[in-house]
C-alpha atoms as a PDB file:
ATOM      1  CA  MET A   1      23.352 148.873 -64.552  1.00  0.00           C
ATOM      2  CA  PRO A   2      20.006 147.134 -64.327  1.00  0.00           C
ATOM      3  CA  ILE A   3      19.096 147.553 -60.749  1.00  0.00           C
ATOM      4  CA  ASN A   4      15.960 145.669 -59.894  1.00  0.00           C
ATOM      5  CA  ILE A   5      13.652 147.753 -57.672  1.00  0.00           C
ATOM      6  CA  PRO A   6       9.887 148.123 -57.599  1.00  0.00           C
ATOM      7  CA  ASN A   7       8.414 150.545 -60.055  1.00  0.00           C
ATOM      8  CA  SER A   8       6.486 152.354 -57.328  1.00  0.00           C
ATOM      9  CA  LEU A   9       9.462 152.964 -55.067  1.00  0.00           C
ATOM     10  CA  PRO A  10      10.035 156.712 -54.935  1.00  0.00           C
ATOM     11  CA  ALA A  11      13.712 156.226 -55.929  1.00  0.00           C
ATOM     12  CA  THR A  12      12.769 154.702 -59.265  1.00  0.00           C
ATOM     13  CA  GLU A  13      11.395 157.913 -60.804  1.00  0.00           C
ATOM     14  CA  ILE A  14      14.328 159.908 -59.541  1.00  0.00           C
ATOM     15  CA  LEU A  15      16.997 157.487 -60.856  1.00  0.00           C
ATOM     16  CA  GLU A  16      15.225 157.246 -64.205  1.00  0.00           C
ATOM     17  CA  LYS A  17      15.314 161.002 -64.623  1.00  0.00           C
ATOM     18  CA  GLU A  18      19.124 160.720 -64.038  1.00  0.00           C
ATOM     19  CA  ASN A  19      19.332 158.166 -66.846  1.00  0.00           C
ATOM     20  CA  ILE A  20      20.204 155.372 -64.392  1.00  0.00           C
ATOM     21  CA  PHE A  21      19.095 152.076 -65.800  1.00  0.00           C
ATOM     22  CA  THR A  22      16.549 150.413 -63.625  1.00  0.00           C
ATOM     23  CA  ILE A  23      14.736 147.147 -64.430  1.00  0.00           C
ATOM     24  CA  ASP A  24      11.451 145.810 -63.261  1.00  0.00           C
ATOM     25  CA  LYS A  25      10.876 142.288 -61.818  1.00  0.00           C
ATOM     26  CA  LEU A  26       9.281 140.840 -65.009  1.00  0.00           C
ATOM     27  CA  ARG A  27      12.137 141.881 -67.219  1.00  0.00           C
ATOM     28  CA  ALA A  28      14.796 140.782 -64.696  1.00  0.00           C
ATOM     29  CA  GLU A  29      13.243 137.288 -64.493  1.00  0.00           C
ATOM     30  CA  SER A  30      13.411 136.960 -68.286  1.00  0.00           C
ATOM     31  CA  GLN A  31      17.259 137.333 -68.277  1.00  0.00           C
ATOM     32  CA  ASP A  32      19.223 134.126 -67.881  1.00  0.00           C
ATOM     33  CA  ILE A  33      21.699 135.277 -65.316  1.00  0.00           C
ATOM     34  CA  ARG A  34      22.007 135.164 -61.516  1.00  0.00           C
ATOM     35  CA  PRO A  35      21.674 138.701 -60.121  1.00  0.00           C
ATOM     36  CA  LEU A  36      23.644 139.763 -57.119  1.00  0.00           C
ATOM     37  CA  ARG A  37      21.566 139.820 -54.009  1.00  0.00           C
ATOM     38  CA  ILE A  38      22.221 142.867 -51.911  1.00  0.00           C
ATOM     39  CA  ALA A  39      20.312 143.728 -48.701  1.00  0.00           C
ATOM     40  CA  ILE A  40      20.289 147.197 -47.094  1.00  0.00           C
ATOM     41  CA  LEU A  41      19.565 147.673 -43.404  1.00  0.00           C
ATOM     42  CA  ASN A  42      18.525 151.341 -43.518  1.00  0.00           C
ATOM     43  CA  LEU A  43      18.849 152.812 -40.070  1.00  0.00           C
ATOM     44  CA  MET A  44      18.729 156.412 -41.180  1.00  0.00           C
ATOM     45  CA  PRO A  45      15.647 158.459 -40.166  1.00  0.00           C
ATOM     46  CA  THR A  46      15.154 159.783 -43.674  1.00  0.00           C
ATOM     47  CA  LYS A  47      14.911 156.387 -45.246  1.00  0.00           C
ATOM     48  CA  ILE A  48      13.561 157.436 -48.631  1.00  0.00           C
ATOM     49  CA  VAL A  49      16.375 159.852 -49.121  1.00  0.00           C
ATOM     50  CA  THR A  50      19.010 157.319 -48.004  1.00  0.00           C
ATOM     51  CA  GLU A  51      17.600 154.464 -50.142  1.00  0.00           C
ATOM     52  CA  THR A  52      17.783 156.721 -53.228  1.00  0.00           C
ATOM     53  CA  GLN A  53      21.309 157.744 -52.480  1.00  0.00           C
ATOM     54  CA  LEU A  54      22.562 154.232 -52.029  1.00  0.00           C
ATOM     55  CA  LEU A  55      20.658 152.859 -55.025  1.00  0.00           C
ATOM     56  CA  ARG A  56      22.330 155.548 -57.168  1.00  0.00           C
ATOM     57  CA  LEU A  57      25.732 154.338 -56.103  1.00  0.00           C
ATOM     58  CA  LEU A  58      24.950 150.751 -56.566  1.00  0.00           C
ATOM     59  CA  SER A  59      23.975 151.455 -60.152  1.00  0.00           C
ATOM     60  CA  ASN A  60      27.525 152.006 -61.364  1.00  0.00           C
ATOM     61  CA  THR A  61      28.232 148.482 -62.610  1.00  0.00           C
ATOM     62  CA  PRO A  62      27.104 146.264 -65.502  1.00  0.00           C
ATOM     63  CA  LEU A  63      25.806 143.614 -63.082  1.00  0.00           C
ATOM     64  CA  GLN A  64      22.216 143.002 -62.375  1.00  0.00           C
ATOM     65  CA  ILE A  65      21.367 143.495 -58.641  1.00  0.00           C
ATOM     66  CA  ASP A  66      18.302 142.551 -56.624  1.00  0.00           C
ATOM     67  CA  ILE A  67      17.763 144.786 -53.670  1.00  0.00           C
ATOM     68  CA  THR A  68      16.125 143.940 -50.337  1.00  0.00           C
ATOM     69  CA  LEU A  69      15.339 146.862 -48.000  1.00  0.00           C
ATOM     70  CA  LEU A  70      15.351 146.108 -44.314  1.00  0.00           C
ATOM     71  CA  THR A  71      14.153 147.986 -41.217  1.00  0.00           C
ATOM     72  CA  THR A  72      14.337 147.064 -37.565  1.00  0.00           C
ATOM     73  CA  SER A  73      11.516 145.132 -35.881  1.00  0.00           C
ATOM     74  CA  SER A  74      12.540 146.205 -32.370  1.00  0.00           C
ATOM     75  CA  TYR A  75      12.247 149.907 -33.148  1.00  0.00           C
ATOM     76  CA  ALA A  76       9.533 151.603 -35.200  1.00  0.00           C
ATOM     77  CA  ALA A  77      10.850 154.336 -37.499  1.00  0.00           C
ATOM     78  CA  LYS A  78       9.169 157.774 -36.777  1.00  0.00           C
ATOM     79  CA  ASN A  79      10.246 159.762 -39.858  1.00  0.00           C
ATOM     80  CA  THR A  80       9.194 157.459 -42.688  1.00  0.00           C
ATOM     81  CA  PRO A  81       5.536 156.856 -43.597  1.00  0.00           C
ATOM     82  CA  ALA A  82       4.270 153.497 -42.268  1.00  0.00           C
ATOM     83  CA  GLU A  83       2.816 152.712 -45.629  1.00  0.00           C
ATOM     84  CA  HIS A  84       6.201 153.132 -47.282  1.00  0.00           C
ATOM     85  CA  LEU A  85       7.793 150.694 -44.786  1.00  0.00           C
ATOM     86  CA  LYS A  86       5.004 148.243 -45.189  1.00  0.00           C
ATOM     87  CA  THR A  87       5.167 148.276 -49.027  1.00  0.00           C
ATOM     88  CA  PHE A  88       8.984 148.277 -49.570  1.00  0.00           C
ATOM     89  CA  TYR A  89      10.668 147.021 -46.430  1.00  0.00           C
ATOM     90  CA  THR A  90      10.977 143.723 -44.551  1.00  0.00           C
ATOM     91  CA  THR A  91      12.582 142.666 -41.314  1.00  0.00           C
ATOM     92  CA  PHE A  92      15.387 140.419 -40.402  1.00  0.00           C
ATOM     93  CA  ASP A  93      13.104 137.620 -39.231  1.00  0.00           C
ATOM     94  CA  ASN A  94      11.833 137.310 -42.824  1.00  0.00           C
ATOM     95  CA  ILE A  95      15.195 136.974 -44.507  1.00  0.00           C
ATOM     96  CA  LYS A  96      17.356 135.270 -41.906  1.00  0.00           C
ATOM     97  CA  ASP A  97      17.055 131.885 -43.683  1.00  0.00           C
ATOM     98  CA  SER A  98      18.405 133.516 -46.888  1.00  0.00           C
ATOM     99  CA  LYS A  99      21.882 134.275 -48.028  1.00  0.00           C
ATOM    100  CA  PHE A 100      23.203 137.376 -49.771  1.00  0.00           C
ATOM    101  CA  ASP A 101      26.124 138.283 -51.889  1.00  0.00           C
ATOM    102  CA  GLY A 102      26.330 141.717 -50.140  1.00  0.00           C
ATOM    103  CA  PHE A 103      24.866 143.662 -47.210  1.00  0.00           C
ATOM    104  CA  ILE A 104      24.952 147.296 -46.329  1.00  0.00           C
ATOM    105  CA  ILE A 105      24.375 148.643 -42.801  1.00  0.00           C
ATOM    106  CA  THR A 106      23.838 152.424 -42.830  1.00  0.00           C
ATOM    107  CA  GLY A 107      24.560 155.177 -40.401  1.00  0.00           C
ATOM    108  CA  ALA A 108      22.180 156.392 -37.716  1.00  0.00           C
ATOM    109  CA  PRO A 109      22.074 159.565 -35.634  1.00  0.00           C
ATOM    110  CA  LEU A 110      23.153 157.752 -32.469  1.00  0.00           C
ATOM    111  CA  GLU A 111      26.820 158.563 -32.119  1.00  0.00           C
ATOM    112  CA  SER A 112      26.527 160.121 -28.632  1.00  0.00           C
ATOM    113  CA  MET A 113      24.851 157.048 -27.146  1.00  0.00           C
ATOM    114  CA  GLU A 114      26.564 153.951 -25.806  1.00  0.00           C
ATOM    115  CA  PHE A 115      25.920 151.014 -28.210  1.00  0.00           C
ATOM    116  CA  GLU A 116      24.226 149.016 -25.547  1.00  0.00           C
ATOM    117  CA  ALA A 117      21.757 151.828 -24.862  1.00  0.00           C
ATOM    118  CA  VAL A 118      20.434 151.757 -28.427  1.00  0.00           C
ATOM    119  CA  SER A 119      16.973 150.313 -28.480  1.00  0.00           C
ATOM    120  CA  TYR A 120      17.694 147.842 -31.293  1.00  0.00           C
ATOM    121  CA  TRP A 121      21.281 147.020 -30.325  1.00  0.00           C
ATOM    122  CA  GLU A 122      20.465 143.373 -29.575  1.00  0.00           C
ATOM    123  CA  GLU A 123      18.712 143.002 -32.857  1.00  0.00           C
ATOM    124  CA  LEU A 124      21.661 144.668 -34.692  1.00  0.00           C
ATOM    125  CA  CYS A 125      24.072 142.270 -33.021  1.00  0.00           C
ATOM    126  CA  GLU A 126      22.061 139.300 -34.096  1.00  0.00           C
ATOM    127  CA  ILE A 127      22.155 140.615 -37.589  1.00  0.00           C
ATOM    128  CA  MET A 128      25.838 141.286 -37.560  1.00  0.00           C
ATOM    129  CA  GLU A 129      26.539 137.795 -36.190  1.00  0.00           C
ATOM    130  CA  TRP A 130      24.345 136.359 -38.946  1.00  0.00           C
ATOM    131  CA  THR A 131      26.226 138.193 -41.668  1.00  0.00           C
ATOM    132  CA  LYS A 132      29.352 136.254 -40.762  1.00  0.00           C
ATOM    133  CA  HIS A 133      27.997 133.069 -42.312  1.00  0.00           C
ATOM    134  CA  ASN A 134      25.258 134.300 -44.641  1.00  0.00           C
ATOM    135  CA  VAL A 135      26.668 137.316 -46.418  1.00  0.00           C
ATOM    136  CA  PHE A 136      29.887 137.349 -48.385  1.00  0.00           C
ATOM    137  CA  SER A 137      30.814 140.983 -47.952  1.00  0.00           C
ATOM    138  CA  THR A 138      29.205 143.612 -45.645  1.00  0.00           C
ATOM    139  CA  MET A 139      29.599 147.400 -45.928  1.00  0.00           C
ATOM    140  CA  PHE A 140      29.148 149.448 -42.725  1.00  0.00           C
ATOM    141  CA  ILE A 141      28.628 153.208 -43.111  1.00  0.00           C
ATOM    142  CA  CYS A 142      29.316 155.882 -40.419  1.00  0.00           C
ATOM    143  CA  TRP A 143      27.604 154.935 -37.223  1.00  0.00           C
ATOM    144  CA  GLY A 144      27.128 151.418 -38.713  1.00  0.00           C
ATOM    145  CA  ALA A 145      30.939 151.364 -39.192  1.00  0.00           C
ATOM    146  CA  PHE A 146      31.470 152.229 -35.475  1.00  0.00           C
ATOM    147  CA  ALA A 147      29.033 149.545 -34.439  1.00  0.00           C
ATOM    148  CA  GLY A 148      30.648 146.949 -36.748  1.00  0.00           C
ATOM    149  CA  LEU A 149      34.147 147.731 -35.473  1.00  0.00           C
ATOM    150  CA  HIS A 150      32.896 147.513 -31.841  1.00  0.00           C
ATOM    151  CA  TYR A 151      31.013 144.273 -32.224  1.00  0.00           C
ATOM    152  CA  LYS A 152      33.413 142.437 -34.534  1.00  0.00           C
ATOM    153  CA  TYR A 153      36.842 143.726 -33.504  1.00  0.00           C
ATOM    154  CA  GLY A 154      36.363 145.356 -30.076  1.00  0.00           C
ATOM    155  CA  ILE A 155      37.355 148.747 -31.274  1.00  0.00           C
ATOM    156  CA  ASP A 156      35.435 151.487 -29.516  1.00  0.00           C
ATOM    157  CA  LYS A 157      34.371 154.925 -30.747  1.00  0.00           C
ATOM    158  CA  HIS A 158      35.142 158.099 -28.825  1.00  0.00           C
ATOM    159  CA  ILE A 159      32.838 161.079 -28.516  1.00  0.00           C
ATOM    160  CA  LEU A 160      34.094 164.287 -30.127  1.00  0.00           C
ATOM    161  CA  LYS A 161      34.070 167.707 -28.525  1.00  0.00           C
ATOM    162  CA  SER A 162      32.020 169.060 -31.440  1.00  0.00           C
ATOM    163  CA  LYS A 163      30.390 167.624 -34.471  1.00  0.00           C
ATOM    164  CA  ILE A 164      32.474 166.962 -37.499  1.00  0.00           C
ATOM    165  CA  SER A 165      30.574 168.338 -40.554  1.00  0.00           C
ATOM    166  CA  GLY A 166      31.874 169.164 -43.911  1.00  0.00           C
ATOM    167  CA  VAL A 167      33.833 168.009 -46.872  1.00  0.00           C
ATOM    168  CA  PHE A 168      37.364 166.888 -46.196  1.00  0.00           C
ATOM    169  CA  SER A 169      40.459 165.874 -48.187  1.00  0.00           C
ATOM    170  CA  HIS A 170      41.694 162.328 -47.644  1.00  0.00           C
ATOM    171  CA  ARG A 171      44.847 160.379 -48.621  1.00  0.00           C
ATOM    172  CA  THR A 172      44.765 156.986 -50.241  1.00  0.00           C
ATOM    173  CA  LEU A 173      47.119 154.804 -48.156  1.00  0.00           C
ATOM    174  CA  CYS A 174      47.273 151.671 -50.115  1.00  0.00           C
ATOM    175  CA  PRO A 175      46.705 152.426 -53.797  1.00  0.00           C
ATOM    176  CA  SER A 176      47.134 148.737 -54.912  1.00  0.00           C
ATOM    177  CA  HIS A 177      44.203 147.618 -52.783  1.00  0.00           C
ATOM    178  CA  PRO A 178      41.271 146.674 -55.011  1.00  0.00           C
ATOM    179  CA  LEU A 179      38.787 148.718 -52.991  1.00  0.00           C
ATOM    180  CA  VAL A 180      40.605 152.001 -53.763  1.00  0.00           C
ATOM    181  CA  ARG A 181      41.650 150.975 -57.326  1.00  0.00           C
ATOM    182  CA  GLY A 182      41.395 154.020 -59.475  1.00  0.00           C
ATOM    183  CA  PHE A 183      41.346 156.542 -56.645  1.00  0.00           C
ATOM    184  CA  ASP A 184      43.300 159.700 -56.793  1.00  0.00           C
ATOM    185  CA  GLU A 185      46.076 160.046 -54.261  1.00  0.00           C
ATOM    186  CA  GLU A 186      43.891 162.689 -52.618  1.00  0.00           C
ATOM    187  CA  PHE A 187      40.076 162.853 -52.787  1.00  0.00           C
ATOM    188  CA  ASN A 188      37.082 164.539 -51.047  1.00  0.00           C
ATOM    189  CA  ALA A 189      34.455 163.057 -49.004  1.00  0.00           C
ATOM    190  CA  PRO A 190      31.767 164.370 -46.589  1.00  0.00           C
ATOM    191  CA  HIS A 191      31.607 163.629 -42.864  1.00  0.00           C
ATOM    192  CA  SER A 192      28.698 164.288 -40.478  1.00  0.00           C
ATOM    193  CA  ARG A 193      29.252 162.772 -37.049  1.00  0.00           C
ATOM    194  CA  TYR A 194      29.757 163.296 -33.399  1.00  0.00           C
ATOM    195  CA  SER A 195      32.155 160.402 -32.750  1.00  0.00           C
ATOM    196  CA  GLY A 196      35.143 158.823 -34.284  1.00  0.00           C
ATOM    197  CA  VAL A 197      37.792 156.085 -34.018  1.00  0.00           C
ATOM    198  CA  TYR A 198      41.580 156.352 -33.829  1.00  0.00           C
ATOM    199  CA  SER A 199      43.643 155.402 -36.843  1.00  0.00           C
ATOM    200  CA  GLU A 200      46.123 153.581 -34.598  1.00  0.00           C
ATOM    201  CA  GLU A 201      43.581 151.182 -33.338  1.00  0.00           C
ATOM    202  CA  ILE A 202      42.743 150.070 -36.874  1.00  0.00           C
ATOM    203  CA  GLU A 203      46.403 149.932 -37.938  1.00  0.00           C
ATOM    204  CA  ASN A 204      47.285 147.895 -34.895  1.00  0.00           C
ATOM    205  CA  ASN A 205      44.684 145.286 -35.559  1.00  0.00           C
ATOM    206  CA  ASN A 206      46.195 142.481 -37.567  1.00  0.00           C
ATOM    207  CA  GLN A 207      42.817 141.613 -39.166  1.00  0.00           C
ATOM    208  CA  LEU A 208      42.241 145.095 -40.594  1.00  0.00           C
ATOM    209  CA  ILE A 209      43.824 147.462 -43.119  1.00  0.00           C
ATOM    210  CA  LEU A 210      43.375 151.248 -43.069  1.00  0.00           C
ATOM    211  CA  LEU A 211      42.902 152.342 -46.708  1.00  0.00           C
ATOM    212  CA  ALA A 212      42.200 156.091 -46.561  1.00  0.00           C
ATOM    213  CA  LYS A 213      42.397 158.800 -43.931  1.00  0.00           C
ATOM    214  CA  SER A 214      42.166 162.574 -43.469  1.00  0.00           C
ATOM    215  CA  ASP A 215      44.753 164.412 -41.410  1.00  0.00           C
ATOM    216  CA  GLU A 216      41.937 166.697 -40.137  1.00  0.00           C
ATOM    217  CA  VAL A 217      39.167 164.157 -39.293  1.00  0.00           C
ATOM    218  CA  GLY A 218      40.789 160.768 -39.157  1.00  0.00           C
ATOM    219  CA  PRO A 219      39.960 157.393 -40.887  1.00  0.00           C
ATOM    220  CA  TYR A 220      37.616 157.342 -43.954  1.00  0.00           C
ATOM    221  CA  LEU A 221      37.951 153.783 -45.265  1.00  0.00           C
ATOM    222  CA  ALA A 222      39.039 150.495 -43.748  1.00  0.00           C
ATOM    223  CA  ALA A 223      38.524 146.823 -44.516  1.00  0.00           C
ATOM    224  CA  SER A 224      39.124 143.342 -43.020  1.00  0.00           C
ATOM    225  CA  LYS A 225      42.014 141.679 -44.780  1.00  0.00           C
ATOM    226  CA  ASP A 226      39.694 139.008 -46.104  1.00  0.00           C
ATOM    227  CA  GLY A 227      37.383 141.634 -47.733  1.00  0.00           C
ATOM    228  CA  ARG A 228      34.366 140.340 -45.829  1.00  0.00           C
ATOM    229  CA  ASN A 229      33.944 143.567 -43.869  1.00  0.00           C
ATOM    230  CA  ILE A 230      34.212 147.145 -45.253  1.00  0.00           C
ATOM    231  CA  PHE A 231      34.040 150.255 -43.066  1.00  0.00           C
ATOM    232  CA  VAL A 232      33.236 153.682 -44.428  1.00  0.00           C
ATOM    233  CA  PHE A 233      33.402 156.388 -41.709  1.00  0.00           C
ATOM    234  CA  GLY A 234      32.086 159.239 -43.864  1.00  0.00           C
ATOM    235  CA  HIS A 235      28.997 159.744 -46.119  1.00  0.00           C
ATOM    236  CA  GLY A 236      30.086 159.337 -49.669  1.00  0.00           C
ATOM    237  CA  GLU A 237      26.445 158.675 -50.574  1.00  0.00           C
ATOM    238  CA  TYR A 238      25.352 162.146 -49.587  1.00  0.00           C
ATOM    239  CA  ASP A 239      23.771 164.513 -52.186  1.00  0.00           C
ATOM    240  CA  ALA A 240      25.331 167.878 -52.771  1.00  0.00           C
ATOM    241  CA  GLY A 241      22.703 169.481 -50.505  1.00  0.00           C
ATOM    242  CA  THR A 242      22.545 166.987 -47.688  1.00  0.00           C
ATOM    243  CA  LEU A 243      25.039 168.753 -45.382  1.00  0.00           C
ATOM    244  CA  GLN A 244      23.163 172.029 -45.957  1.00  0.00           C
ATOM    245  CA  PHE A 245      19.884 170.312 -45.028  1.00  0.00           C
ATOM    246  CA  GLU A 246      21.328 168.980 -41.827  1.00  0.00           C
ATOM    247  CA  TYR A 247      22.966 172.363 -40.989  1.00  0.00           C
ATOM    248  CA  GLU A 248      19.698 174.275 -41.410  1.00  0.00           C
ATOM    249  CA  ARG A 249      17.819 171.557 -39.519  1.00  0.00           C
ATOM    250  CA  ASP A 250      20.171 171.891 -36.561  1.00  0.00           C
ATOM    251  CA  ILE A 251      19.824 175.716 -36.618  1.00  0.00           C
ATOM    252  CA  ASN A 252      16.040 175.349 -36.439  1.00  0.00           C
ATOM    253  CA  ARG A 253      16.480 173.018 -33.524  1.00  0.00           C
ATOM    254  CA  GLY A 254      18.448 175.702 -31.645  1.00  0.00           C
ATOM    255  CA  LEU A 255      21.691 173.637 -31.596  1.00  0.00           C
ATOM    256  CA  ASN A 256      23.868 176.456 -32.769  1.00  0.00           C
ATOM    257  CA  PRO A 257      25.876 174.167 -35.196  1.00  0.00           C
ATOM    258  CA  ASP A 258      29.203 175.139 -36.704  1.00  0.00           C
ATOM    259  CA  MET A 259      29.054 175.829 -40.444  1.00  0.00           C
ATOM    260  CA  PRO A 260      30.110 172.603 -42.466  1.00  0.00           C
ATOM    261  CA  LYS A 261      33.800 173.049 -43.425  1.00  0.00           C
ATOM    262  CA  ASN A 262      34.998 173.354 -46.966  1.00  0.00           C
ATOM    263  CA  TYR A 263      31.373 173.204 -48.138  1.00  0.00           C
ATOM    264  CA  PHE A 264      29.829 176.581 -48.985  1.00  0.00           C
ATOM    265  CA  LYS A 265      31.809 178.682 -51.421  1.00  0.00           C
ATOM    266  CA  ASN A 266      33.364 181.542 -49.514  1.00  0.00           C
ATOM    267  CA  ASN A 267      31.232 180.300 -46.459  1.00  0.00           C
ATOM    268  CA  ASP A 268      28.252 181.932 -48.273  1.00  0.00           C
ATOM    269  CA  THR A 269      25.157 179.900 -47.476  1.00  0.00           C
ATOM    270  CA  SER A 270      23.219 181.575 -50.353  1.00  0.00           C
ATOM    271  CA  ILE A 271      25.454 179.932 -52.812  1.00  0.00           C
ATOM    272  CA  PRO A 272      24.266 176.323 -53.552  1.00  0.00           C
ATOM    273  CA  PRO A 273      27.006 173.826 -52.634  1.00  0.00           C
ATOM    274  CA  ILE A 274      28.437 171.574 -55.382  1.00  0.00           C
ATOM    275  CA  ASN A 275      29.290 167.924 -55.145  1.00  0.00           C
ATOM    276  CA  THR A 276      33.113 167.285 -55.281  1.00  0.00           C
ATOM    277  CA  TRP A 277      33.044 163.621 -54.085  1.00  0.00           C
ATOM    278  CA  ARG A 278      30.670 161.874 -56.496  1.00  0.00           C
ATOM    279  CA  ALA A 279      33.264 160.239 -58.737  1.00  0.00           C
ATOM    280  CA  HIS A 280      35.157 158.492 -55.833  1.00  0.00           C
ATOM    281  CA  SER A 281      32.025 157.460 -54.100  1.00  0.00           C
ATOM    282  CA  HIS A 282      30.768 155.744 -57.265  1.00  0.00           C
ATOM    283  CA  MET A 283      34.180 154.141 -57.670  1.00  0.00           C
ATOM    284  CA  LEU A 284      34.114 152.870 -54.108  1.00  0.00           C
ATOM    285  CA  PHE A 285      30.784 151.082 -54.524  1.00  0.00           C
ATOM    286  CA  SER A 286      31.792 149.768 -57.948  1.00  0.00           C
ATOM    287  CA  ASN A 287      35.030 148.307 -56.605  1.00  0.00           C
ATOM    288  CA  TRP A 288      33.209 146.806 -53.681  1.00  0.00           C
ATOM    289  CA  LEU A 289      30.610 145.146 -55.940  1.00  0.00           C
ATOM    290  CA  ASN A 290      33.127 143.967 -58.445  1.00  0.00           C
ATOM    291  CA  TYR A 291      36.111 142.839 -56.415  1.00  0.00           C
ATOM    292  CA  PHE A 292      34.594 141.908 -53.083  1.00  0.00           C
ATOM    293  CA  VAL A 293      31.145 140.682 -54.048  1.00  0.00           C
ATOM    294  CA  TYR A 294      30.811 139.557 -57.702  1.00  0.00           C
ATOM    295  CA  GLN A 295      34.332 138.093 -58.204  1.00  0.00           C
ATOM    296  CA  ASN A 296      34.385 136.235 -54.897  1.00  0.00           C
ATOM    297  CA  THR A 297      30.880 135.159 -53.949  1.00  0.00           C
ATOM    298  CA  PRO A 298      30.108 131.546 -54.816  1.00  0.00           C
ATOM    299  CA  TYR A 299      27.593 131.175 -57.674  1.00  0.00           C
ATOM    300  CA  ASN A 300      25.485 128.969 -55.319  1.00  0.00           C
ATOM    301  CA  LEU A 301      24.912 131.263 -52.324  1.00  0.00           C
ATOM    302  CA  GLU A 302      24.333 128.233 -50.109  1.00  0.00           C
ATOM    303  CA  GLU A 303      28.133 127.669 -50.290  1.00  0.00           C
ATOM    304  CA  ILE A 304      28.821 130.778 -48.286  1.00  0.00           C
ATOM    305  CA  LEU A 305      30.467 129.762 -44.995  1.00  0.00           C
END
């Protein structure tokens, strides 16, 4: 897919080495098509890693996509170079008069905090309210999914006794739904979180549909029945080594973390973990872009209501 991102973005070189087709602004403008406009509100501390992971998944489609990277204005990121943010990111104030085909709100390491205690919660609420009439379909990931369910549907997260970390098997609950079209009946996906939501609260909400869950760790994928809101409670965008990085980071912080489940072969941390969730993660993003963004968004974005 021709994904239109700046040549100097760190993700560009990585994706090109993976034979993922990127396209620069000059070439994109020479093509007589309307690209999909996708904005990513990146709340993760490791923004460069996260933007690369998401751009990789957004590449699995023949559609041309223009990407806008957003950061919060009410909280200054501490783990990403200021020059990177200045060069490649913008804030909500600069795009709030625009409309987008799709929008992604990432996770954030904030599960143990009450939503209202998060320093940028008011800004995030303003953005989520804005998406109702300025974005056709929004994907919420992990903490972003908890925040979206809380704000839009009044479903609260609950704090877990210990962190869920590992790769877990999930069941596809509604195989005919376009978002899981092509999914196996069972598939793997990583989770890394300190909180969760109850399946029953999603199933009992007449505006939502639960699409995939794990008997061990609960919901993985849900959507509003109109397709305007997609909730992913795991981290399908993770690289093979991301859980290992988090595990070793937490060890170095003295947190005494449990080893990620179903991740290291024979629980041997010296054996590099392998990615067993890549295919379904690509399919999820491809289905979202195709069925819930491209095929439904008005050609004239100003017609979004």
